[in-house]
C-alpha atoms as a PDB file:
ATOM      1  CA  UNK A   1      48.334 200.824 101.723  1.00  0.00           C
ATOM      2  CA  UNK A   2      46.375 202.621  98.961  1.00  0.00           C
ATOM      3  CA  UNK A   3      43.478 204.666 100.363  1.00  0.00           C
ATOM      4  CA  UNK A   4      40.757 203.857  97.842  1.00  0.00           C
ATOM      5  CA  UNK A   5      40.248 200.107  97.798  1.00  0.00           C
ATOM      6  CA  UNK A   6      37.310 197.999  96.740  1.00  0.00           C
ATOM      7  CA  UNK A   7      36.574 194.443  97.815  1.00  0.00           C
ATOM      8  CA  UNK A   8      35.069 191.451  96.063  1.00  0.00           C
ATOM      9  CA  UNK A   9      34.358 188.027  97.566  1.00  0.00           C
ATOM     10  CA  UNK A  10      35.659 185.148  95.458  1.00  0.00           C
ATOM     11  CA  UNK A  11      34.046 181.707  95.811  1.00  0.00           C
ATOM     12  CA  UNK A  12      36.705 179.233  94.741  1.00  0.00           C
ATOM     13  CA  UNK A  13      37.137 175.543  95.521  1.00  0.00           C
ATOM     14  CA  UNK A  14      34.434 175.764  98.162  1.00  0.00           C
ATOM     15  CA  UNK A  15      36.084 178.673  99.960  1.00  0.00           C
ATOM     16  CA  UNK A  16      35.120 182.312 100.001  1.00  0.00           C
ATOM     17  CA  UNK A  17      38.007 184.760 100.055  1.00  0.00           C
ATOM     18  CA  UNK A  18      37.991 188.532  99.985  1.00  0.00           C
ATOM     19  CA  UNK A  19      40.108 190.230  97.332  1.00  0.00           C
ATOM     20  CA  UNK A  20      41.044 193.865  97.799  1.00  0.00           C
ATOM     21  CA  UNK A  21      41.868 195.928  94.715  1.00  0.00           C
ATOM     22  CA  UNK A  22      42.155 199.441  93.309  1.00  0.00           C
ATOM     23  CA  UNK A  23      38.993 200.046  91.253  1.00  0.00           C
ATOM     24  CA  UNK A  24      39.255 200.984  87.584  1.00  0.00           C
ATOM     25  CA  UNK A  25      42.895 199.921  87.420  1.00  0.00           C
ATOM     26  CA  UNK A  26      44.789 196.929  86.055  1.00  0.00           C
ATOM     27  CA  UNK A  27      43.956 195.134  89.326  1.00  0.00           C
ATOM     28  CA  UNK A  28      40.575 194.325  87.809  1.00  0.00           C
ATOM     29  CA  UNK A  29      42.312 192.852  84.757  1.00  0.00           C
ATOM     30  CA  UNK A  30      44.434 190.590  86.959  1.00  0.00           C
ATOM     31  CA  UNK A  31      41.349 189.254  88.746  1.00  0.00           C
ATOM     32  CA  UNK A  32      39.616 188.631  85.415  1.00  0.00           C
ATOM     33  CA  UNK A  33      42.641 186.758  84.045  1.00  0.00           C
ATOM     34  CA  UNK A  34      42.996 184.466  87.036  1.00  0.00           C
ATOM     35  CA  UNK A  35      39.449 183.766  88.179  1.00  0.00           C
ATOM     36  CA  UNK A  36      37.276 184.363  85.111  1.00  0.00           C
ATOM     37  CA  UNK A  37      39.611 183.332  82.304  1.00  0.00           C
ATOM     38  CA  UNK A  38      41.369 180.738  84.534  1.00  0.00           C
ATOM     39  CA  UNK A  39      44.808 181.649  83.215  1.00  0.00           C
ATOM     40  CA  UNK A  40      46.477 179.081  85.484  1.00  0.00           C
ATOM     41  CA  UNK A  41      43.939 176.257  85.207  1.00  0.00           C
ATOM     42  CA  UNK A  42      46.201 173.211  85.116  1.00  0.00           C
ATOM     43  CA  UNK A  43      43.315 170.903  84.225  1.00  0.00           C
ATOM     44  CA  UNK A  44      43.621 172.105  80.628  1.00  0.00           C
ATOM     45  CA  UNK A  45      46.958 170.299  80.399  1.00  0.00           C
ATOM     46  CA  UNK A  46      46.837 166.779  78.894  1.00  0.00           C
ATOM     47  CA  UNK A  47      49.364 165.740  81.550  1.00  0.00           C
ATOM     48  CA  UNK A  48      47.349 167.102  84.470  1.00  0.00           C
ATOM     49  CA  UNK A  49      46.645 163.650  85.956  1.00  0.00           C
ATOM     50  CA  UNK A  50      50.337 162.771  85.727  1.00  0.00           C
ATOM     51  CA  UNK A  51      51.263 165.959  87.592  1.00  0.00           C
ATOM     52  CA  UNK A  52      48.681 165.362  90.325  1.00  0.00           C
ATOM     53  CA  UNK A  53      49.915 161.791  90.704  1.00  0.00           C
ATOM     54  CA  UNK A  54      53.438 163.126  91.270  1.00  0.00           C
ATOM     55  CA  UNK A  55      52.062 165.589  93.798  1.00  0.00           C
ATOM     56  CA  UNK A  56      50.286 162.847  95.729  1.00  0.00           C
ATOM     57  CA  UNK A  57      53.345 160.586  95.717  1.00  0.00           C
ATOM     58  CA  UNK A  58      55.439 163.375  97.215  1.00  0.00           C
ATOM     59  CA  UNK A  59      52.823 164.088  99.873  1.00  0.00           C
ATOM     60  CA  UNK A  60      52.785 160.411 100.841  1.00  0.00           C
ATOM     61  CA  UNK A  61      56.571 160.644 101.258  1.00  0.00           C
ATOM     62  CA  UNK A  62      55.991 163.541 103.643  1.00  0.00           C
ATOM     63  CA  UNK A  63      57.449 166.140 101.290  1.00  0.00           C
ATOM     64  CA  UNK A  64      55.675 169.471 100.947  1.00  0.00           C
ATOM     65  CA  UNK A  65      55.313 170.842  97.405  1.00  0.00           C
ATOM     66  CA  UNK A  66      56.744 174.296  96.749  1.00  0.00           C
ATOM     67  CA  UNK A  67      55.040 176.811  94.465  1.00  0.00           C
ATOM     68  CA  UNK A  68      56.882 180.023  93.570  1.00  0.00           C
ATOM     69  CA  UNK A  69      54.843 182.919  92.193  1.00  0.00           C
ATOM     70  CA  UNK A  70      57.253 185.453  90.690  1.00  0.00           C
ATOM     71  CA  UNK A  71      55.615 188.690  89.674  1.00  0.00           C
ATOM     72  CA  UNK A  72      52.841 188.100  92.187  1.00  0.00           C
ATOM     73  CA  UNK A  73      51.354 191.588  91.718  1.00  0.00           C
ATOM     74  CA  UNK A  74      48.486 192.040  94.217  1.00  0.00           C
ATOM     75  CA  UNK A  75      48.346 188.374  95.193  1.00  0.00           C
ATOM     76  CA  UNK A  76      45.527 187.066  93.010  1.00  0.00           C
ATOM     77  CA  UNK A  77      47.534 184.184  91.554  1.00  0.00           C
ATOM     78  CA  UNK A  78      49.174 183.424  94.914  1.00  0.00           C
ATOM     79  CA  UNK A  79      45.720 183.154  96.453  1.00  0.00           C
ATOM     80  CA  UNK A  80      44.613 180.943  93.557  1.00  0.00           C
ATOM     81  CA  UNK A  81      47.527 178.533  93.984  1.00  0.00           C
ATOM     82  CA  UNK A  82      47.327 178.412  97.778  1.00  0.00           C
ATOM     83  CA  UNK A  83      43.615 177.517  97.724  1.00  0.00           C
ATOM     84  CA  UNK A  84      44.021 175.046  94.847  1.00  0.00           C
ATOM     85  CA  UNK A  85      46.985 173.363  96.564  1.00  0.00           C
ATOM     86  CA  UNK A  86      46.330 173.835 100.294  1.00  0.00           C
ATOM     87  CA  UNK A  87      49.194 171.548 101.336  1.00  0.00           C
ATOM     88  CA  UNK A  88      51.779 173.469  99.307  1.00  0.00           C
ATOM     89  CA  UNK A  89      54.230 176.091 100.496  1.00  0.00           C
ATOM     90  CA  UNK A  90      53.586 179.169  98.353  1.00  0.00           C
ATOM     91  CA  UNK A  91      56.280 181.840  98.003  1.00  0.00           C
ATOM     92  CA  UNK A  92      55.095 185.057  96.337  1.00  0.00           C
ATOM     93  CA  UNK A  93      57.654 187.572  95.025  1.00  0.00           C
ATOM     94  CA  UNK A  94      56.715 191.147  94.097  1.00  0.00           C
ATOM     95  CA  UNK A  95      59.093 194.111  93.689  1.00  0.00           C
ATOM     96  CA  UNK A  96      56.741 197.113  93.557  1.00  0.00           C
ATOM     97  CA  UNK A  97      55.766 198.506  96.953  1.00  0.00           C
ATOM     98  CA  UNK A  98      52.065 199.303  96.506  1.00  0.00           C
ATOM     99  CA  UNK A  99      51.443 195.955  94.819  1.00  0.00           C
ATOM    100  CA  UNK A 100      53.355 194.221  97.590  1.00  0.00           C
ATOM    101  CA  UNK A 101      51.185 195.802 100.281  1.00  0.00           C
ATOM    102  CA  UNK A 102      48.046 194.530  98.552  1.00  0.00           C
ATOM    103  CA  UNK A 103      49.660 191.122  98.060  1.00  0.00           C
ATOM    104  CA  UNK A 104      50.165 190.819 101.808  1.00  0.00           C
ATOM    105  CA  UNK A 105      46.578 191.864 102.491  1.00  0.00           C
ATOM    106  CA  UNK A 106      45.062 189.491  99.942  1.00  0.00           C
ATOM    107  CA  UNK A 107      46.891 186.365 101.144  1.00  0.00           C
ATOM    108  CA  UNK A 108      46.557 187.112 104.847  1.00  0.00           C
ATOM    109  CA  UNK A 109      46.139 183.965 106.977  1.00  0.00           C
ATOM    110  CA  UNK A 110      46.817 181.662 104.024  1.00  0.00           C
ATOM    111  CA  UNK A 111      50.398 180.909 105.047  1.00  0.00           C
ATOM    112  CA  UNK A 112      51.845 182.430 101.877  1.00  0.00           C
ATOM    113  CA  UNK A 113      55.391 183.752 102.265  1.00  0.00           C
ATOM    114  CA  UNK A 114      55.590 187.213 100.680  1.00  0.00           C
ATOM    115  CA  UNK A 115      58.978 188.483  99.522  1.00  0.00           C
ATOM    116  CA  UNK A 116      59.469 192.151  98.633  1.00  0.00           C
ATOM    117  CA  UNK A 117      62.074 191.654  95.954  1.00  0.00           C
ATOM    118  CA  UNK A 118      62.758 190.794  92.328  1.00  0.00           C
ATOM    119  CA  UNK A 119      63.425 187.341  90.910  1.00  0.00           C
ATOM    120  CA  UNK A 120      66.754 187.176  89.092  1.00  0.00           C
ATOM    121  CA  UNK A 121      69.595 184.820  88.194  1.00  0.00           C
ATOM    122  CA  UNK A 122      72.040 186.135  90.812  1.00  0.00           C
ATOM    123  CA  UNK A 123      72.127 188.272  93.964  1.00  0.00           C
ATOM    124  CA  UNK A 124      72.046 192.045  93.690  1.00  0.00           C
ATOM    125  CA  UNK A 125      69.468 194.803  93.521  1.00  0.00           C
ATOM    126  CA  UNK A 126      66.791 195.912  91.080  1.00  0.00           C
ATOM    127  CA  UNK A 127      65.227 199.339  90.689  1.00  0.00           C
ATOM    128  CA  UNK A 128      61.575 199.700  89.723  1.00  0.00           C
ATOM    129  CA  UNK A 129      60.669 201.189  86.356  1.00  0.00           C
ATOM    130  CA  UNK A 130      57.152 202.499  85.647  1.00  0.00           C
ATOM    131  CA  UNK A 131      56.521 202.586  81.872  1.00  0.00           C
ATOM    132  CA  UNK A 132      52.974 203.846  82.395  1.00  0.00           C
ATOM    133  CA  UNK A 133      51.239 200.535  81.716  1.00  0.00           C
ATOM    134  CA  UNK A 134      49.346 200.379  85.003  1.00  0.00           C
ATOM    135  CA  UNK A 135      49.990 198.489  88.216  1.00  0.00           C
ATOM    136  CA  UNK A 136      50.645 195.256  86.340  1.00  0.00           C
ATOM    137  CA  UNK A 137      53.269 196.778  84.060  1.00  0.00           C
ATOM    138  CA  UNK A 138      56.127 197.665  86.417  1.00  0.00           C
ATOM    139  CA  UNK A 139      59.537 196.485  85.217  1.00  0.00           C
ATOM    140  CA  UNK A 140      62.882 196.100  86.911  1.00  0.00           C
ATOM    141  CA  UNK A 141      66.447 196.913  85.950  1.00  0.00           C
ATOM    142  CA  UNK A 142      69.766 196.201  87.615  1.00  0.00           C
ATOM    143  CA  UNK A 143      71.122 198.806  90.027  1.00  0.00           C
ATOM    144  CA  UNK A 144      74.238 198.800  92.194  1.00  0.00           C
ATOM    145  CA  UNK A 145      72.665 201.098  94.761  1.00  0.00           C
ATOM    146  CA  UNK A 146      70.691 199.150  97.414  1.00  0.00           C
ATOM    147  CA  UNK A 147      68.927 202.374  98.374  1.00  0.00           C
ATOM    148  CA  UNK A 148      67.475 202.679  94.876  1.00  0.00           C
ATOM    149  CA  UNK A 149      65.862 199.265  94.591  1.00  0.00           C
ATOM    150  CA  UNK A 150      64.834 195.962  96.085  1.00  0.00           C
ATOM    151  CA  UNK A 151      66.982 192.871  96.660  1.00  0.00           C
ATOM    152  CA  UNK A 152      67.193 190.156  94.047  1.00  0.00           C
ATOM    153  CA  UNK A 153      65.931 186.702  94.934  1.00  0.00           C
ATOM    154  CA  UNK A 154      67.169 183.528  93.237  1.00  0.00           C
ATOM    155  CA  UNK A 155      65.343 180.256  92.800  1.00  0.00           C
ATOM    156  CA  UNK A 156      68.448 178.367  93.897  1.00  0.00           C
ATOM    157  CA  UNK A 157      68.282 179.974  97.346  1.00  0.00           C
ATOM    158  CA  UNK A 158      64.525 179.403  97.655  1.00  0.00           C
ATOM    159  CA  UNK A 159      64.837 175.759  96.594  1.00  0.00           C
ATOM    160  CA  UNK A 160      67.744 175.142  98.970  1.00  0.00           C
ATOM    161  CA  UNK A 161      65.923 176.696 101.896  1.00  0.00           C
ATOM    162  CA  UNK A 162      62.723 174.718 101.278  1.00  0.00           C
ATOM    163  CA  UNK A 163      64.636 171.470 100.756  1.00  0.00           C
ATOM    164  CA  UNK A 164      66.094 171.866 104.236  1.00  0.00           C
ATOM    165  CA  UNK A 165      62.500 171.898 105.527  1.00  0.00           C
ATOM    166  CA  UNK A 166      61.474 168.813 103.554  1.00  0.00           C
ATOM    167  CA  UNK A 167      60.036 170.672 100.574  1.00  0.00           C
ATOM    168  CA  UNK A 168      60.428 170.025  96.862  1.00  0.00           C
ATOM    169  CA  UNK A 169      59.827 172.316  93.853  1.00  0.00           C
ATOM    170  CA  UNK A 170      56.562 171.606  92.062  1.00  0.00           C
ATOM    171  CA  UNK A 171      55.591 174.743  90.168  1.00  0.00           C
ATOM    172  CA  UNK A 172      57.236 178.044  89.296  1.00  0.00           C
ATOM    173  CA  UNK A 173      55.097 180.774  87.718  1.00  0.00           C
ATOM    174  CA  UNK A 174      57.048 183.649  86.143  1.00  0.00           C
ATOM    175  CA  UNK A 175      55.435 186.851  84.894  1.00  0.00           C
ATOM    176  CA  UNK A 176      58.086 189.538  85.379  1.00  0.00           C
ATOM    177  CA  UNK A 177      57.531 191.952  82.484  1.00  0.00           C
ATOM    178  CA  UNK A 178      60.646 191.152  80.472  1.00  0.00           C
ATOM    179  CA  UNK A 179      62.847 190.271  83.447  1.00  0.00           C
ATOM    180  CA  UNK A 180      62.884 186.697  82.156  1.00  0.00           C
ATOM    181  CA  UNK A 181      65.636 187.824  79.777  1.00  0.00           C
ATOM    182  CA  UNK A 182      68.069 188.178  82.677  1.00  0.00           C
ATOM    183  CA  UNK A 183      66.610 185.343  84.750  1.00  0.00           C
ATOM    184  CA  UNK A 184      67.363 182.623  82.192  1.00  0.00           C
ATOM    185  CA  UNK A 185      70.820 183.886  81.172  1.00  0.00           C
ATOM    186  CA  UNK A 186      72.720 181.948  83.849  1.00  0.00           C
ATOM    187  CA  UNK A 187      72.370 179.724  86.931  1.00  0.00           C
ATOM    188  CA  UNK A 188      69.449 177.792  85.460  1.00  0.00           C
ATOM    189  CA  UNK A 189      70.004 174.334  86.949  1.00  0.00           C
ATOM    190  CA  UNK A 190      66.787 174.872  88.925  1.00  0.00           C
ATOM    191  CA  UNK A 191      64.814 174.460  85.676  1.00  0.00           C
ATOM    192  CA  UNK A 192      65.570 170.738  85.463  1.00  0.00           C
ATOM    193  CA  UNK A 193      64.477 170.307  89.095  1.00  0.00           C
ATOM    194  CA  UNK A 194      61.051 171.825  88.471  1.00  0.00           C
ATOM    195  CA  UNK A 195      58.239 169.642  87.076  1.00  0.00           C
ATOM    196  CA  UNK A 196      56.129 172.554  85.872  1.00  0.00           C
ATOM    197  CA  UNK A 197      57.049 176.068  84.740  1.00  0.00           C
ATOM    198  CA  UNK A 198      54.481 178.661  83.715  1.00  0.00           C
ATOM    199  CA  UNK A 199      56.170 181.572  81.958  1.00  0.00           C
ATOM    200  CA  UNK A 200      54.773 184.631  80.212  1.00  0.00           C
ATOM    201  CA  UNK A 201      57.193 185.880  77.564  1.00  0.00           C
ATOM    202  CA  UNK A 202      57.194 189.562  76.646  1.00  0.00           C
ATOM    203  CA  UNK A 203      58.488 189.975  73.112  1.00  0.00           C
ATOM    204  CA  UNK A 204      55.013 191.324  72.312  1.00  0.00           C
ATOM    205  CA  UNK A 205      55.534 194.052  74.909  1.00  0.00           C
ATOM    206  CA  UNK A 206      59.207 194.780  74.245  1.00  0.00           C
ATOM    207  CA  UNK A 207      59.770 194.283  70.501  1.00  0.00           C
ATOM    208  CA  UNK A 208      63.365 193.741  69.356  1.00  0.00           C
ATOM    209  CA  UNK A 209      64.606 193.536  72.967  1.00  0.00           C
ATOM    210  CA  UNK A 210      65.054 189.767  72.691  1.00  0.00           C
ATOM    211  CA  UNK A 211      63.751 189.082  76.193  1.00  0.00           C
ATOM    212  CA  UNK A 212      62.620 185.552  75.282  1.00  0.00           C
ATOM    213  CA  UNK A 213      65.914 184.443  73.716  1.00  0.00           C
ATOM    214  CA  UNK A 214      67.628 183.300  76.922  1.00  0.00           C
ATOM    215  CA  UNK A 215      64.530 181.346  77.942  1.00  0.00           C
ATOM    216  CA  UNK A 216      64.383 179.564  74.589  1.00  0.00           C
ATOM    217  CA  UNK A 217      68.104 178.726  74.708  1.00  0.00           C
ATOM    218  CA  UNK A 218      67.763 177.462  78.260  1.00  0.00           C
ATOM    219  CA  UNK A 219      64.638 175.367  77.815  1.00  0.00           C
ATOM    220  CA  UNK A 220      65.964 173.713  74.643  1.00  0.00           C
ATOM    221  CA  UNK A 221      68.682 172.001  76.711  1.00  0.00           C
ATOM    222  CA  UNK A 222      66.164 169.948  78.642  1.00  0.00           C
ATOM    223  CA  UNK A 223      63.755 167.121  77.874  1.00  0.00           C
ATOM    224  CA  UNK A 224      60.520 169.011  78.458  1.00  0.00           C
ATOM    225  CA  UNK A 225      57.174 169.586  76.785  1.00  0.00           C
ATOM    226  CA  UNK A 226      56.464 173.106  75.560  1.00  0.00           C
ATOM    227  CA  UNK A 227      52.771 174.039  75.538  1.00  0.00           C
ATOM    228  CA  UNK A 228      51.243 177.441  74.727  1.00  0.00           C
ATOM    229  CA  UNK A 229      47.923 178.294  76.406  1.00  0.00           C
ATOM    230  CA  UNK A 230      46.772 181.906  76.223  1.00  0.00           C
ATOM    231  CA  UNK A 231      49.641 184.225  77.148  1.00  0.00           C
ATOM    232  CA  UNK A 232      51.629 181.529  78.926  1.00  0.00           C
ATOM    233  CA  UNK A 233      54.142 178.850  78.089  1.00  0.00           C
ATOM    234  CA  UNK A 234      53.727 175.675  80.127  1.00  0.00           C
ATOM    235  CA  UNK A 235      57.002 173.758  80.289  1.00  0.00           C
ATOM    236  CA  UNK A 236      56.592 170.274  81.752  1.00  0.00           C
ATOM    237  CA  UNK A 237      59.437 167.931  82.559  1.00  0.00           C
ATOM    238  CA  UNK A 238      58.989 164.742  80.531  1.00  0.00           C
ATOM    239  CA  UNK A 239      60.585 162.365  83.025  1.00  0.00           C
ATOM    240  CA  UNK A 240      58.650 163.262  86.154  1.00  0.00           C
ATOM    241  CA  UNK A 241      59.966 160.170  87.908  1.00  0.00           C
ATOM    242  CA  UNK A 242      63.388 161.802  88.054  1.00  0.00           C
ATOM    243  CA  UNK A 243      61.771 164.284  90.445  1.00  0.00           C
ATOM    244  CA  UNK A 244      60.945 161.507  92.913  1.00  0.00           C
END
């Protein structure tokens, strides 16, 4: 755990939660994005009431909604989702060790499952790359040496595991610093099972790398809305009843 931490109390949805962060780092930017700028405020979506209706129908059926937060960083967005949707199972995935330690601390006692790994399209390992962009800028690249990286996690395995426990995929948030290029290249059947995707694309960060191309090819196969708000793409399945 980093030695020099600061703490701020966040009052959100009638609950006060402590957030621990490294002062004068990108951690402060993450907190501003999520709680001040409300980067993941679903109420801005015209179809918000339709999504909440789906959520309530599933809860009545006794099925627990699943939220996956990929690129969870220090846990600010995972905390946000777990408080906003207290009946959901939240799985937070973060590859970088110091971020992961803060993630665990910030979601303590919330029931969030924290996975020290990297989201990808297939099993394997990813090494961590630090391009010098701060704690929110770590990237991953494929490695064959398990001692040089963290294990890959796939959405298929998470969905299958939660389905066995009566869960169903509701929301997947993906902010993985260009890793979406590999994620959407193959094994993307999970997309059609997910009512709501929130994806940050990184062509702005990695010009000419084409990291958004596989996402665009993938998403164009499906009958989904495509909404830009801030830095994020919101992709909403048009026939939500097929999720029932």
